């Protein structure tokens, strides 16, 4: 009987413990389910804020350096050049450099560098191509947006740095501090000037495109013609080689002439000044007496000792 009561009490205790554990786990699960929507809403709110901040971030305009080169054959080089000038000025640009020459056949060639606003670059390029027969065209675009942003940021930081040093100079009381701050200010101002020059260069190259236009008259086509040398070409080449040889000979003579003059001066001094003062050697004495005569030899080869009797 007592054993049954003990078994029943143990079973009731185990059941009560099991029910308590289930109730706690259920509460935890309910709380976790309740917290899940809050976390999801928080994550969604963060993503929405990131999206809005991304939309609010300004989009930088690309900074591109544009260059082009054109070779055009025209009937009237001065007229085509005047038209190119007019097109450039109408677009708000200017002529940077110009050179004109003539070849041996009388053909005229003109090379001009034009600077035009980047937004009118394509328009001006098309107008220049229409002045005559296009022989060659090259174009290049270089994106320097990152470089422009970096230089602008460094300029702002350097200006703030210079302003801080100036504030410290205004507050400095000791002479040593003032001298040290002046040296630091000079160094930072020099760095700022270099950055400003770099910034101005980038602004000029990105704001204005560069177009190099070469105009050639009829019969003076750049890069065209027969490259096979003829008799006159050979004669001209030989004459040029002969003149080159004469120039080299003149250069060699000019280089050796100072040394030759020095040697001649030394020889002159030796003969006129040094040599006369040297002691003269005595002349050799003449040989006295007659030289011994050779003894006669007979036909047989024996010397003759006396007269033949």
C-alpha atoms as a PDB file:
ATOM      1  CA  UNK A   1       0.000   0.000   0.000  1.00  0.00           C
ATOM      2  CA  UNK A   2       2.773   2.404   0.941  1.00  0.00           C
ATOM      3  CA  UNK A   3       4.620   1.474  -2.227  1.00  0.00           C
ATOM      4  CA  UNK A   4       1.623   2.381  -4.403  1.00  0.00           C
ATOM      5  CA  UNK A   5       1.242   5.714  -2.620  1.00  0.00           C
ATOM      6  CA  UNK A   6       4.914   6.538  -3.262  1.00  0.00           C
ATOM      7  CA  UNK A   7       4.613   5.620  -6.941  1.00  0.00           C
ATOM      8  CA  UNK A   8       1.485   7.742  -7.318  1.00  0.00           C
ATOM      9  CA  UNK A   9       3.140  10.721  -5.614  1.00  0.00           C
ATOM     10  CA  UNK A  10       6.173  10.471  -7.881  1.00  0.00           C
ATOM     11  CA  UNK A  11       3.992  10.353 -10.965  1.00  0.00           C
ATOM     12  CA  UNK A  12       2.066  13.432  -9.869  1.00  0.00           C
ATOM     13  CA  UNK A  13       5.320  15.311  -9.197  1.00  0.00           C
ATOM     14  CA  UNK A  14       6.717  14.445 -12.627  1.00  0.00           C
ATOM     15  CA  UNK A  15       3.501  15.528 -14.309  1.00  0.00           C
ATOM     16  CA  UNK A  16       3.523  18.868 -12.514  1.00  0.00           C
ATOM     17  CA  UNK A  17       7.131  19.516 -13.539  1.00  0.00           C
ATOM     18  CA  UNK A  18       6.330  18.679 -17.138  1.00  0.00           C
ATOM     19  CA  UNK A  19       3.386  21.071 -17.216  1.00  0.00           C
ATOM     20  CA  UNK A  20       5.522  23.878 -15.741  1.00  0.00           C
ATOM     21  CA  UNK A  21       8.184  23.399 -18.426  1.00  0.00           C
ATOM     22  CA  UNK A  22       5.610  23.473 -21.203  1.00  0.00           C
ATOM     23  CA  UNK A  23       4.107  26.685 -19.912  1.00  0.00           C
ATOM     24  CA  UNK A  24       7.519  28.413 -19.789  1.00  0.00           C
ATOM     25  CA  UNK A  25       8.493  27.300 -23.285  1.00  0.00           C
ATOM     26  CA  UNK A  26       5.162  28.453 -24.597  1.00  0.00           C
ATOM     27  CA  UNK A  27       5.669  31.877 -23.036  1.00  0.00           C
ATOM     28  CA  UNK A  28       9.135  32.146 -24.572  1.00  0.00           C
ATOM     29  CA  UNK A  29       7.854  31.165 -27.973  1.00  0.00           C
ATOM     30  CA  UNK A  30       5.048  33.698 -27.755  1.00  0.00           C
ATOM     31  CA  UNK A  31       7.476  36.415 -26.776  1.00  0.00           C
ATOM     32  CA  UNK A  32       9.813  35.457 -29.625  1.00  0.00           C
ATOM     33  CA  UNK A  33       6.936  35.499 -32.093  1.00  0.00           C
ATOM     34  CA  UNK A  34       5.924  38.877 -30.746  1.00  0.00           C
ATOM     35  CA  UNK A  35       9.461  40.260 -31.106  1.00  0.00           C
ATOM     36  CA  UNK A  36       9.928  38.947 -34.645  1.00  0.00           C
ATOM     37  CA  UNK A  37       7.632  41.490 -36.347  1.00  0.00           C
ATOM     38  CA  UNK A  38       9.339  44.279 -34.451  1.00  0.00           C
ATOM     39  CA  UNK A  39      12.763  43.168 -35.664  1.00  0.00           C
ATOM     40  CA  UNK A  40      11.463  42.812 -39.192  1.00  0.00           C
ATOM     41  CA  UNK A  41       9.937  46.259 -39.067  1.00  0.00           C
ATOM     42  CA  UNK A  42      13.213  47.651 -37.695  1.00  0.00           C
ATOM     43  CA  UNK A  43      15.213  46.022 -40.479  1.00  0.00           C
ATOM     44  CA  UNK A  44      12.773  47.281 -43.067  1.00  0.00           C
ATOM     45  CA  UNK A  45      13.000  50.779 -41.636  1.00  0.00           C
ATOM     46  CA  UNK A  46      16.822  50.684 -41.811  1.00  0.00           C
ATOM     47  CA  UNK A  47      16.739  49.510 -45.410  1.00  0.00           C
ATOM     48  CA  UNK A  48      14.262  52.228 -46.269  1.00  0.00           C
ATOM     49  CA  UNK A  49      16.479  54.841 -44.644  1.00  0.00           C
ATOM     50  CA  UNK A  50      19.507  53.551 -46.574  1.00  0.00           C
ATOM     51  CA  UNK A  51      17.514  53.730 -49.791  1.00  0.00           C
ATOM     52  CA  UNK A  52      16.423  57.294 -49.100  1.00  0.00           C
ATOM     53  CA  UNK A  53      19.987  58.333 -48.243  1.00  0.00           C
ATOM     54  CA  UNK A  54      21.221  56.736 -51.457  1.00  0.00           C
ATOM     55  CA  UNK A  55      18.586  58.643 -53.417  1.00  0.00           C
ATOM     56  CA  UNK A  56      19.535  61.868 -51.684  1.00  0.00           C
ATOM     57  CA  UNK A  57      23.288  61.434 -52.496  1.00  0.00           C
ATOM     58  CA  UNK A  58      24.218  63.801 -55.366  1.00  0.00           C
ATOM     59  CA  UNK A  59      25.348  62.214 -58.605  1.00  0.00           C
ATOM     60  CA  UNK A  60      28.598  63.750 -59.804  1.00  0.00           C
ATOM     61  CA  UNK A  61      28.827  64.834 -63.414  1.00  0.00           C
ATOM     62  CA  UNK A  62      31.644  62.994 -65.218  1.00  0.00           C
ATOM     63  CA  UNK A  63      34.814  64.968 -65.882  1.00  0.00           C
ATOM     64  CA  UNK A  64      36.267  63.960 -69.251  1.00  0.00           C
ATOM     65  CA  UNK A  65      39.298  65.287 -71.136  1.00  0.00           C
ATOM     66  CA  UNK A  66      38.513  65.207 -74.868  1.00  0.00           C
ATOM     67  CA  UNK A  67      41.120  65.541 -77.616  1.00  0.00           C
ATOM     68  CA  UNK A  68      40.873  65.050 -81.370  1.00  0.00           C
ATOM     69  CA  UNK A  69      43.077  65.358 -84.453  1.00  0.00           C
ATOM     70  CA  UNK A  70      41.809  66.006 -87.991  1.00  0.00           C
ATOM     71  CA  UNK A  71      43.581  66.095 -91.362  1.00  0.00           C
ATOM     72  CA  UNK A  72      41.479  67.620 -94.128  1.00  0.00           C
ATOM     73  CA  UNK A  73      42.282  68.309 -97.786  1.00  0.00           C
ATOM     74  CA  UNK A  74      40.767  71.562 -99.042  1.00  0.00           C
ATOM     75  CA  UNK A  75      40.870  73.665-102.186  1.00  0.00           C
ATOM     76  CA  UNK A  76      41.449  76.971-100.403  1.00  0.00           C
ATOM     77  CA  UNK A  77      43.560  76.686 -97.247  1.00  0.00           C
ATOM     78  CA  UNK A  78      43.153  80.327 -96.085  1.00  0.00           C
ATOM     79  CA  UNK A  79      39.394  80.149 -96.631  1.00  0.00           C
ATOM     80  CA  UNK A  80      39.091  76.868 -94.732  1.00  0.00           C
ATOM     81  CA  UNK A  81      41.208  78.310 -91.922  1.00  0.00           C
ATOM     82  CA  UNK A  82      38.965  81.376 -91.676  1.00  0.00           C
ATOM     83  CA  UNK A  83      35.913  79.109 -91.512  1.00  0.00           C
ATOM     84  CA  UNK A  84      37.502  77.022 -88.753  1.00  0.00           C
ATOM     85  CA  UNK A  85      38.226  80.182 -86.788  1.00  0.00           C
ATOM     86  CA  UNK A  86      34.646  81.360 -87.163  1.00  0.00           C
ATOM     87  CA  UNK A  87      33.187  78.007 -86.090  1.00  0.00           C
ATOM     88  CA  UNK A  88      35.441  77.964 -83.024  1.00  0.00           C
ATOM     89  CA  UNK A  89      34.568  81.510 -81.988  1.00  0.00           C
ATOM     90  CA  UNK A  90      30.839  80.910 -82.491  1.00  0.00           C
ATOM     91  CA  UNK A  91      31.087  77.921 -80.144  1.00  0.00           C
ATOM     92  CA  UNK A  92      32.741  80.054 -77.457  1.00  0.00           C
ATOM     93  CA  UNK A  93      36.281  78.766 -77.996  1.00  0.00           C
ATOM     94  CA  UNK A  94      39.548  80.228 -79.200  1.00  0.00           C
ATOM     95  CA  UNK A  95      42.592  79.455 -81.373  1.00  0.00           C
ATOM     96  CA  UNK A  96      45.529  78.296 -79.267  1.00  0.00           C
ATOM     97  CA  UNK A  97      48.339  77.765 -81.801  1.00  0.00           C
ATOM     98  CA  UNK A  98      48.824  78.120 -85.563  1.00  0.00           C
ATOM     99  CA  UNK A  99      51.589  77.343 -88.077  1.00  0.00           C
ATOM    100  CA  UNK A 100      51.677  77.504 -91.892  1.00  0.00           C
ATOM    101  CA  UNK A 101      54.320  76.271 -94.358  1.00  0.00           C
ATOM    102  CA  UNK A 102      54.768  75.334 -98.022  1.00  0.00           C
ATOM    103  CA  UNK A 103      56.382  72.270 -99.549  1.00  0.00           C
ATOM    104  CA  UNK A 104      58.667  72.106-102.599  1.00  0.00           C
ATOM    105  CA  UNK A 105      55.701  71.770-104.958  1.00  0.00           C
ATOM    106  CA  UNK A 106      54.066  74.948-103.649  1.00  0.00           C
ATOM    107  CA  UNK A 107      51.395  73.147-101.643  1.00  0.00           C
ATOM    108  CA  UNK A 108      50.278  75.015 -98.542  1.00  0.00           C
ATOM    109  CA  UNK A 109      49.780  73.316 -95.186  1.00  0.00           C
ATOM    110  CA  UNK A 110      48.339  74.825 -92.032  1.00  0.00           C
ATOM    111  CA  UNK A 111      48.188  73.334 -88.557  1.00  0.00           C
ATOM    112  CA  UNK A 112      45.978  74.990 -85.949  1.00  0.00           C
ATOM    113  CA  UNK A 113      45.058  74.023 -82.361  1.00  0.00           C
ATOM    114  CA  UNK A 114      41.500  74.883 -81.350  1.00  0.00           C
ATOM    115  CA  UNK A 115      40.036  74.975 -77.818  1.00  0.00           C
ATOM    116  CA  UNK A 116      36.256  74.626 -77.686  1.00  0.00           C
ATOM    117  CA  UNK A 117      33.779  74.021 -74.822  1.00  0.00           C
ATOM    118  CA  UNK A 118      33.289  70.323 -74.117  1.00  0.00           C
ATOM    119  CA  UNK A 119      29.518  70.532 -74.603  1.00  0.00           C
ATOM    120  CA  UNK A 120      30.048  71.865 -78.168  1.00  0.00           C
ATOM    121  CA  UNK A 121      32.852  69.419 -78.971  1.00  0.00           C
ATOM    122  CA  UNK A 122      30.913  67.055 -81.254  1.00  0.00           C
ATOM    123  CA  UNK A 123      29.208  69.922 -83.068  1.00  0.00           C
ATOM    124  CA  UNK A 124      32.465  71.717 -83.821  1.00  0.00           C
ATOM    125  CA  UNK A 125      34.147  68.471 -84.840  1.00  0.00           C
ATOM    126  CA  UNK A 126      31.411  67.767 -87.388  1.00  0.00           C
ATOM    127  CA  UNK A 127      31.636  71.289 -88.808  1.00  0.00           C
ATOM    128  CA  UNK A 128      35.409  71.053 -89.236  1.00  0.00           C
ATOM    129  CA  UNK A 129      35.145  67.701 -91.006  1.00  0.00           C
ATOM    130  CA  UNK A 130      32.812  69.296 -93.535  1.00  0.00           C
ATOM    131  CA  UNK A 131      35.342  71.869 -94.701  1.00  0.00           C
ATOM    132  CA  UNK A 132      36.885  69.440 -97.220  1.00  0.00           C
ATOM    133  CA  UNK A 133      37.946  65.850 -97.810  1.00  0.00           C
ATOM    134  CA  UNK A 134      38.681  64.060 -94.547  1.00  0.00           C
ATOM    135  CA  UNK A 135      42.043  62.263 -94.709  1.00  0.00           C
ATOM    136  CA  UNK A 136      42.488  61.166 -91.111  1.00  0.00           C
ATOM    137  CA  UNK A 137      40.670  61.473 -87.790  1.00  0.00           C
ATOM    138  CA  UNK A 138      41.652  60.409 -84.279  1.00  0.00           C
ATOM    139  CA  UNK A 139      39.721  61.099 -81.071  1.00  0.00           C
ATOM    140  CA  UNK A 140      40.346  60.304 -77.432  1.00  0.00           C
ATOM    141  CA  UNK A 141      38.311  60.678 -74.223  1.00  0.00           C
ATOM    142  CA  UNK A 142      39.912  60.298 -70.777  1.00  0.00           C
ATOM    143  CA  UNK A 143      37.705  60.104 -67.679  1.00  0.00           C
ATOM    144  CA  UNK A 144      39.331  61.977 -64.771  1.00  0.00           C
ATOM    145  CA  UNK A 145      36.323  62.223 -62.463  1.00  0.00           C
ATOM    146  CA  UNK A 146      38.084  60.453 -59.592  1.00  0.00           C
ATOM    147  CA  UNK A 147      41.109  62.693 -59.961  1.00  0.00           C
ATOM    148  CA  UNK A 148      38.972  65.844 -59.945  1.00  0.00           C
ATOM    149  CA  UNK A 149      37.093  64.721 -56.819  1.00  0.00           C
ATOM    150  CA  UNK A 150      40.342  63.831 -55.064  1.00  0.00           C
ATOM    151  CA  UNK A 151      41.980  67.164 -55.871  1.00  0.00           C
ATOM    152  CA  UNK A 152      38.887  69.121 -54.784  1.00  0.00           C
ATOM    153  CA  UNK A 153      38.810  67.261 -51.474  1.00  0.00           C
ATOM    154  CA  UNK A 154      42.515  67.840 -50.876  1.00  0.00           C
ATOM    155  CA  UNK A 155      42.110  71.549 -51.640  1.00  0.00           C
ATOM    156  CA  UNK A 156      39.345  71.867 -49.027  1.00  0.00           C
ATOM    157  CA  UNK A 157      41.381  69.994 -46.425  1.00  0.00           C
ATOM    158  CA  UNK A 158      44.490  72.047 -47.143  1.00  0.00           C
ATOM    159  CA  UNK A 159      42.570  75.320 -46.874  1.00  0.00           C
ATOM    160  CA  UNK A 160      41.188  74.244 -43.493  1.00  0.00           C
ATOM    161  CA  UNK A 161      44.704  73.283 -42.404  1.00  0.00           C
ATOM    162  CA  UNK A 162      46.076  76.695 -43.406  1.00  0.00           C
ATOM    163  CA  UNK A 163      43.250  78.409 -41.521  1.00  0.00           C
ATOM    164  CA  UNK A 164      44.034  76.409 -38.367  1.00  0.00           C
ATOM    165  CA  UNK A 165      47.714  77.338 -38.510  1.00  0.00           C
ATOM    166  CA  UNK A 166      46.795  81.009 -38.901  1.00  0.00           C
ATOM    167  CA  UNK A 167      44.535  80.801 -35.849  1.00  0.00           C
ATOM    168  CA  UNK A 168      47.383  79.278 -33.857  1.00  0.00           C
ATOM    169  CA  UNK A 169      49.671  82.096 -34.999  1.00  0.00           C
ATOM    170  CA  UNK A 170      47.160  84.668 -33.758  1.00  0.00           C
ATOM    171  CA  UNK A 171      47.117  82.988 -30.348  1.00  0.00           C
ATOM    172  CA  UNK A 172      50.874  82.382 -30.100  1.00  0.00           C
ATOM    173  CA  UNK A 173      52.733  84.525 -27.568  1.00  0.00           C
ATOM    174  CA  UNK A 174      56.276  83.144 -27.654  1.00  0.00           C
ATOM    175  CA  UNK A 175      58.641  84.124 -30.434  1.00  0.00           C
ATOM    176  CA  UNK A 176      59.797  80.543 -30.924  1.00  0.00           C
ATOM    177  CA  UNK A 177      56.200  79.416 -31.419  1.00  0.00           C
ATOM    178  CA  UNK A 178      55.587  82.187 -33.948  1.00  0.00           C
ATOM    179  CA  UNK A 179      58.713  81.246 -35.940  1.00  0.00           C
ATOM    180  CA  UNK A 180      57.793  77.558 -35.973  1.00  0.00           C
ATOM    181  CA  UNK A 181      54.217  78.316 -37.022  1.00  0.00           C
ATOM    182  CA  UNK A 182      55.414  80.628 -39.812  1.00  0.00           C
ATOM    183  CA  UNK A 183      57.535  77.832 -41.256  1.00  0.00           C
ATOM    184  CA  UNK A 184      54.620  75.409 -41.055  1.00  0.00           C
ATOM    185  CA  UNK A 185      52.286  77.975 -42.627  1.00  0.00           C
ATOM    186  CA  UNK A 186      54.675  78.560 -45.544  1.00  0.00           C
ATOM    187  CA  UNK A 187      54.915  74.822 -46.199  1.00  0.00           C
ATOM    188  CA  UNK A 188      51.150  74.327 -46.132  1.00  0.00           C
ATOM    189  CA  UNK A 189      50.501  77.365 -48.319  1.00  0.00           C
ATOM    190  CA  UNK A 190      52.983  76.011 -50.891  1.00  0.00           C
ATOM    191  CA  UNK A 191      51.140  72.682 -50.912  1.00  0.00           C
ATOM    192  CA  UNK A 192      47.848  74.535 -51.299  1.00  0.00           C
ATOM    193  CA  UNK A 193      49.164  76.527 -54.278  1.00  0.00           C
ATOM    194  CA  UNK A 194      50.324  73.323 -55.975  1.00  0.00           C
ATOM    195  CA  UNK A 195      46.898  71.760 -55.455  1.00  0.00           C
ATOM    196  CA  UNK A 196      45.167  74.884 -56.778  1.00  0.00           C
ATOM    197  CA  UNK A 197      47.348  74.812 -59.909  1.00  0.00           C
ATOM    198  CA  UNK A 198      46.487  71.150 -60.449  1.00  0.00           C
ATOM    199  CA  UNK A 199      42.815  71.932 -59.918  1.00  0.00           C
ATOM    200  CA  UNK A 200      42.930  74.785 -62.448  1.00  0.00           C
ATOM    201  CA  UNK A 201      44.670  72.562 -65.008  1.00  0.00           C
ATOM    202  CA  UNK A 202      42.040  69.852 -64.645  1.00  0.00           C
ATOM    203  CA  UNK A 203      39.272  72.421 -64.922  1.00  0.00           C
ATOM    204  CA  UNK A 204      40.773  73.859 -68.107  1.00  0.00           C
ATOM    205  CA  UNK A 205      41.294  70.466 -69.762  1.00  0.00           C
ATOM    206  CA  UNK A 206      37.856  69.143 -68.837  1.00  0.00           C
ATOM    207  CA  UNK A 207      36.000  72.374 -69.565  1.00  0.00           C
ATOM    208  CA  UNK A 208      37.612  72.901 -72.985  1.00  0.00           C
ATOM    209  CA  UNK A 209      38.245  70.175 -75.552  1.00  0.00           C
ATOM    210  CA  UNK A 210      41.371  70.333 -77.744  1.00  0.00           C
ATOM    211  CA  UNK A 211      41.087  69.847 -81.519  1.00  0.00           C
ATOM    212  CA  UNK A 212      44.218  69.811 -83.702  1.00  0.00           C
ATOM    213  CA  UNK A 213      43.240  70.636 -87.289  1.00  0.00           C
ATOM    214  CA  UNK A 214      45.638  70.122 -90.223  1.00  0.00           C
ATOM    215  CA  UNK A 215      44.593  71.686 -93.526  1.00  0.00           C
ATOM    216  CA  UNK A 216      46.374  70.639 -96.732  1.00  0.00           C
ATOM    217  CA  UNK A 217      45.876  72.136-100.170  1.00  0.00           C
ATOM    218  CA  UNK A 218      45.472  70.106-103.353  1.00  0.00           C
ATOM    219  CA  UNK A 219      48.721  68.338-104.209  1.00  0.00           C
ATOM    220  CA  UNK A 220      50.054  68.596-100.658  1.00  0.00           C
ATOM    221  CA  UNK A 221      48.323  65.649 -99.053  1.00  0.00           C
ATOM    222  CA  UNK A 222      49.863  64.716 -95.708  1.00  0.00           C
ATOM    223  CA  UNK A 223      51.289  61.240 -95.767  1.00  0.00           C
ATOM    224  CA  UNK A 224      50.596  60.725 -99.490  1.00  0.00           C
ATOM    225  CA  UNK A 225      52.831  60.536-102.542  1.00  0.00           C
ATOM    226  CA  UNK A 226      55.400  58.284-104.158  1.00  0.00           C
ATOM    227  CA  UNK A 227      58.164  57.406-101.716  1.00  0.00           C
ATOM    228  CA  UNK A 228      60.425  55.841-104.406  1.00  0.00           C
ATOM    229  CA  UNK A 229      63.596  57.990-104.676  1.00  0.00           C
ATOM    230  CA  UNK A 230      64.591  59.328-108.103  1.00  0.00           C
ATOM    231  CA  UNK A 231      67.745  60.777-109.650  1.00  0.00           C
ATOM    232  CA  UNK A 232      67.176  64.226-108.173  1.00  0.00           C
ATOM    233  CA  UNK A 233      66.544  62.684-104.763  1.00  0.00           C
ATOM    234  CA  UNK A 234      69.813  60.743-105.025  1.00  0.00           C
ATOM    235  CA  UNK A 235      71.670  63.866-106.166  1.00  0.00           C
ATOM    236  CA  UNK A 236      70.207  65.872-103.318  1.00  0.00           C
ATOM    237  CA  UNK A 237      71.094  63.125-100.853  1.00  0.00           C
ATOM    238  CA  UNK A 238      74.678  62.939-102.136  1.00  0.00           C
ATOM    239  CA  UNK A 239      75.086  66.704-101.942  1.00  0.00           C
ATOM    240  CA  UNK A 240      73.699  66.665 -98.425  1.00  0.00           C
ATOM    241  CA  UNK A 241      76.132  63.899 -97.452  1.00  0.00           C
ATOM    242  CA  UNK A 242      79.027  65.877 -98.975  1.00  0.00           C
ATOM    243  CA  UNK A 243      78.093  68.991 -97.019  1.00  0.00           C
ATOM    244  CA  UNK A 244      77.743  66.906 -93.890  1.00  0.00           C
ATOM    245  CA  UNK A 245      81.235  65.492 -94.434  1.00  0.00           C
ATOM    246  CA  UNK A 246      82.658  69.004 -94.870  1.00  0.00           C
ATOM    247  CA  UNK A 247      80.982  70.120 -91.678  1.00  0.00           C
ATOM    248  CA  UNK A 248      82.462  67.187 -89.781  1.00  0.00           C
ATOM    249  CA  UNK A 249      85.917  67.903 -91.215  1.00  0.00           C
ATOM    250  CA  UNK A 250      85.588  71.535 -90.144  1.00  0.00           C
ATOM    251  CA  UNK A 251      84.558  70.398 -86.677  1.00  0.00           C
ATOM    252  CA  UNK A 252      87.569  68.085 -86.423  1.00  0.00           C
ATOM    253  CA  UNK A 253      89.933  70.816 -87.621  1.00  0.00           C
ATOM    254  CA  UNK A 254      88.420  73.250 -85.160  1.00  0.00           C
ATOM    255  CA  UNK A 255      88.855  70.752 -82.338  1.00  0.00           C
ATOM    256  CA  UNK A 256      92.497  69.958 -83.244  1.00  0.00           C
ATOM    257  CA  UNK A 257      93.557  73.537 -84.067  1.00  0.00           C
ATOM    258  CA  UNK A 258      94.182  74.696 -80.456  1.00  0.00           C
ATOM    259  CA  UNK A 259      96.424  71.688 -79.809  1.00  0.00           C
ATOM    260  CA  UNK A 260      98.297  72.225 -83.086  1.00  0.00           C
ATOM    261  CA  UNK A 261      98.881  75.884 -82.201  1.00  0.00           C
ATOM    262  CA  UNK A 262     100.240  74.871 -78.801  1.00  0.00           C
ATOM    263  CA  UNK A 263     102.619  72.333 -80.360  1.00  0.00           C
ATOM    264  CA  UNK A 264     103.838  74.911 -82.919  1.00  0.00           C
ATOM    265  CA  UNK A 265     104.488  77.409 -80.117  1.00  0.00           C
ATOM    266  CA  UNK A 266     106.510  74.859 -78.155  1.00  0.00           C
ATOM    267  CA  UNK A 267     108.591  73.987 -81.238  1.00  0.00           C
ATOM    268  CA  UNK A 268     109.243  77.681 -81.917  1.00  0.00           C
ATOM    269  CA  UNK A 269     110.375  78.272 -78.327  1.00  0.00           C
ATOM    270  CA  UNK A 270     112.638  75.232 -78.481  1.00  0.00           C
ATOM    271  CA  UNK A 271     114.385  76.383 -81.651  1.00  0.00           C
ATOM    272  CA  UNK A 272     114.629  80.094 -80.831  1.00  0.00           C
ATOM    273  CA  UNK A 273     115.140  80.165 -77.074  1.00  0.00           C
ATOM    274  CA  UNK A 274     116.134  76.842 -75.573  1.00  0.00           C
ATOM    275  CA  UNK A 275     118.282  75.245 -78.289  1.00  0.00           C
ATOM    276  CA  UNK A 276     120.725  78.170 -78.801  1.00  0.00           C
ATOM    277  CA  UNK A 277     121.522  78.176 -75.079  1.00  0.00           C
ATOM    278  CA  UNK A 278     122.451  74.509 -74.907  1.00  0.00           C
ATOM    279  CA  UNK A 279     126.257  73.711 -74.960  1.00  0.00           C
ATOM    280  CA  UNK A 280     127.444  72.557 -78.330  1.00  0.00           C
ATOM    281  CA  UNK A 281     129.166  69.210 -78.665  1.00  0.00           C
ATOM    282  CA  UNK A 282     132.839  69.289 -80.031  1.00  0.00           C
ATOM    283  CA  UNK A 283     133.249  68.229 -83.622  1.00  0.00           C
ATOM    284  CA  UNK A 284     135.031  64.848 -84.068  1.00  0.00           C
ATOM    285  CA  UNK A 285     138.820  65.085 -84.905  1.00  0.00           C
ATOM    286  CA  UNK A 286     139.869  64.124 -88.475  1.00  0.00           C
ATOM    287  CA  UNK A 287     141.732  60.807 -88.936  1.00  0.00           C
ATOM    288  CA  UNK A 288     145.552  61.368 -89.564  1.00  0.00           C
ATOM    289  CA  UNK A 289     147.793  59.157 -91.772  1.00  0.00           C
ATOM    290  CA  UNK A 290     146.998  56.999 -94.733  1.00  0.00           C
ATOM    291  CA  UNK A 291     144.816  54.011 -94.504  1.00  0.00           C
ATOM    292  CA  UNK A 292     146.547  50.576 -94.819  1.00  0.00           C
ATOM    293  CA  UNK A 293     146.560  49.195 -98.317  1.00  0.00           C
ATOM    294  CA  UNK A 294     145.369  45.728 -99.110  1.00  0.00           C
ATOM    295  CA  UNK A 295     148.008  43.144-100.024  1.00  0.00           C
ATOM    296  CA  UNK A 296     147.910  41.921-103.644  1.00  0.00           C
ATOM    297  CA  UNK A 297     146.661  38.407-104.192  1.00  0.00           C
ATOM    298  CA  UNK A 298     147.819  36.087-106.996  1.00  0.00           C
ATOM    299  CA  UNK A 299     145.596  34.219-109.321  1.00  0.00           C
ATOM    300  CA  UNK A 300     145.965  31.059-107.303  1.00  0.00           C
ATOM    301  CA  UNK A 301     144.799  32.810-104.183  1.00  0.00           C
ATOM    302  CA  UNK A 302     148.216  33.019-102.438  1.00  0.00           C
ATOM    303  CA  UNK A 303     149.389  36.419-101.276  1.00  0.00           C
ATOM    304  CA  UNK A 304     152.410  37.852-103.077  1.00  0.00           C
ATOM    305  CA  UNK A 305     155.240  38.332-100.585  1.00  0.00           C
ATOM    306  CA  UNK A 306     157.733  40.150-102.781  1.00  0.00           C
ATOM    307  CA  UNK A 307     158.525  41.281-106.281  1.00  0.00           C
ATOM    308  CA  UNK A 308     158.599  38.746-109.087  1.00  0.00           C
ATOM    309  CA  UNK A 309     162.090  37.971-110.253  1.00  0.00           C
END
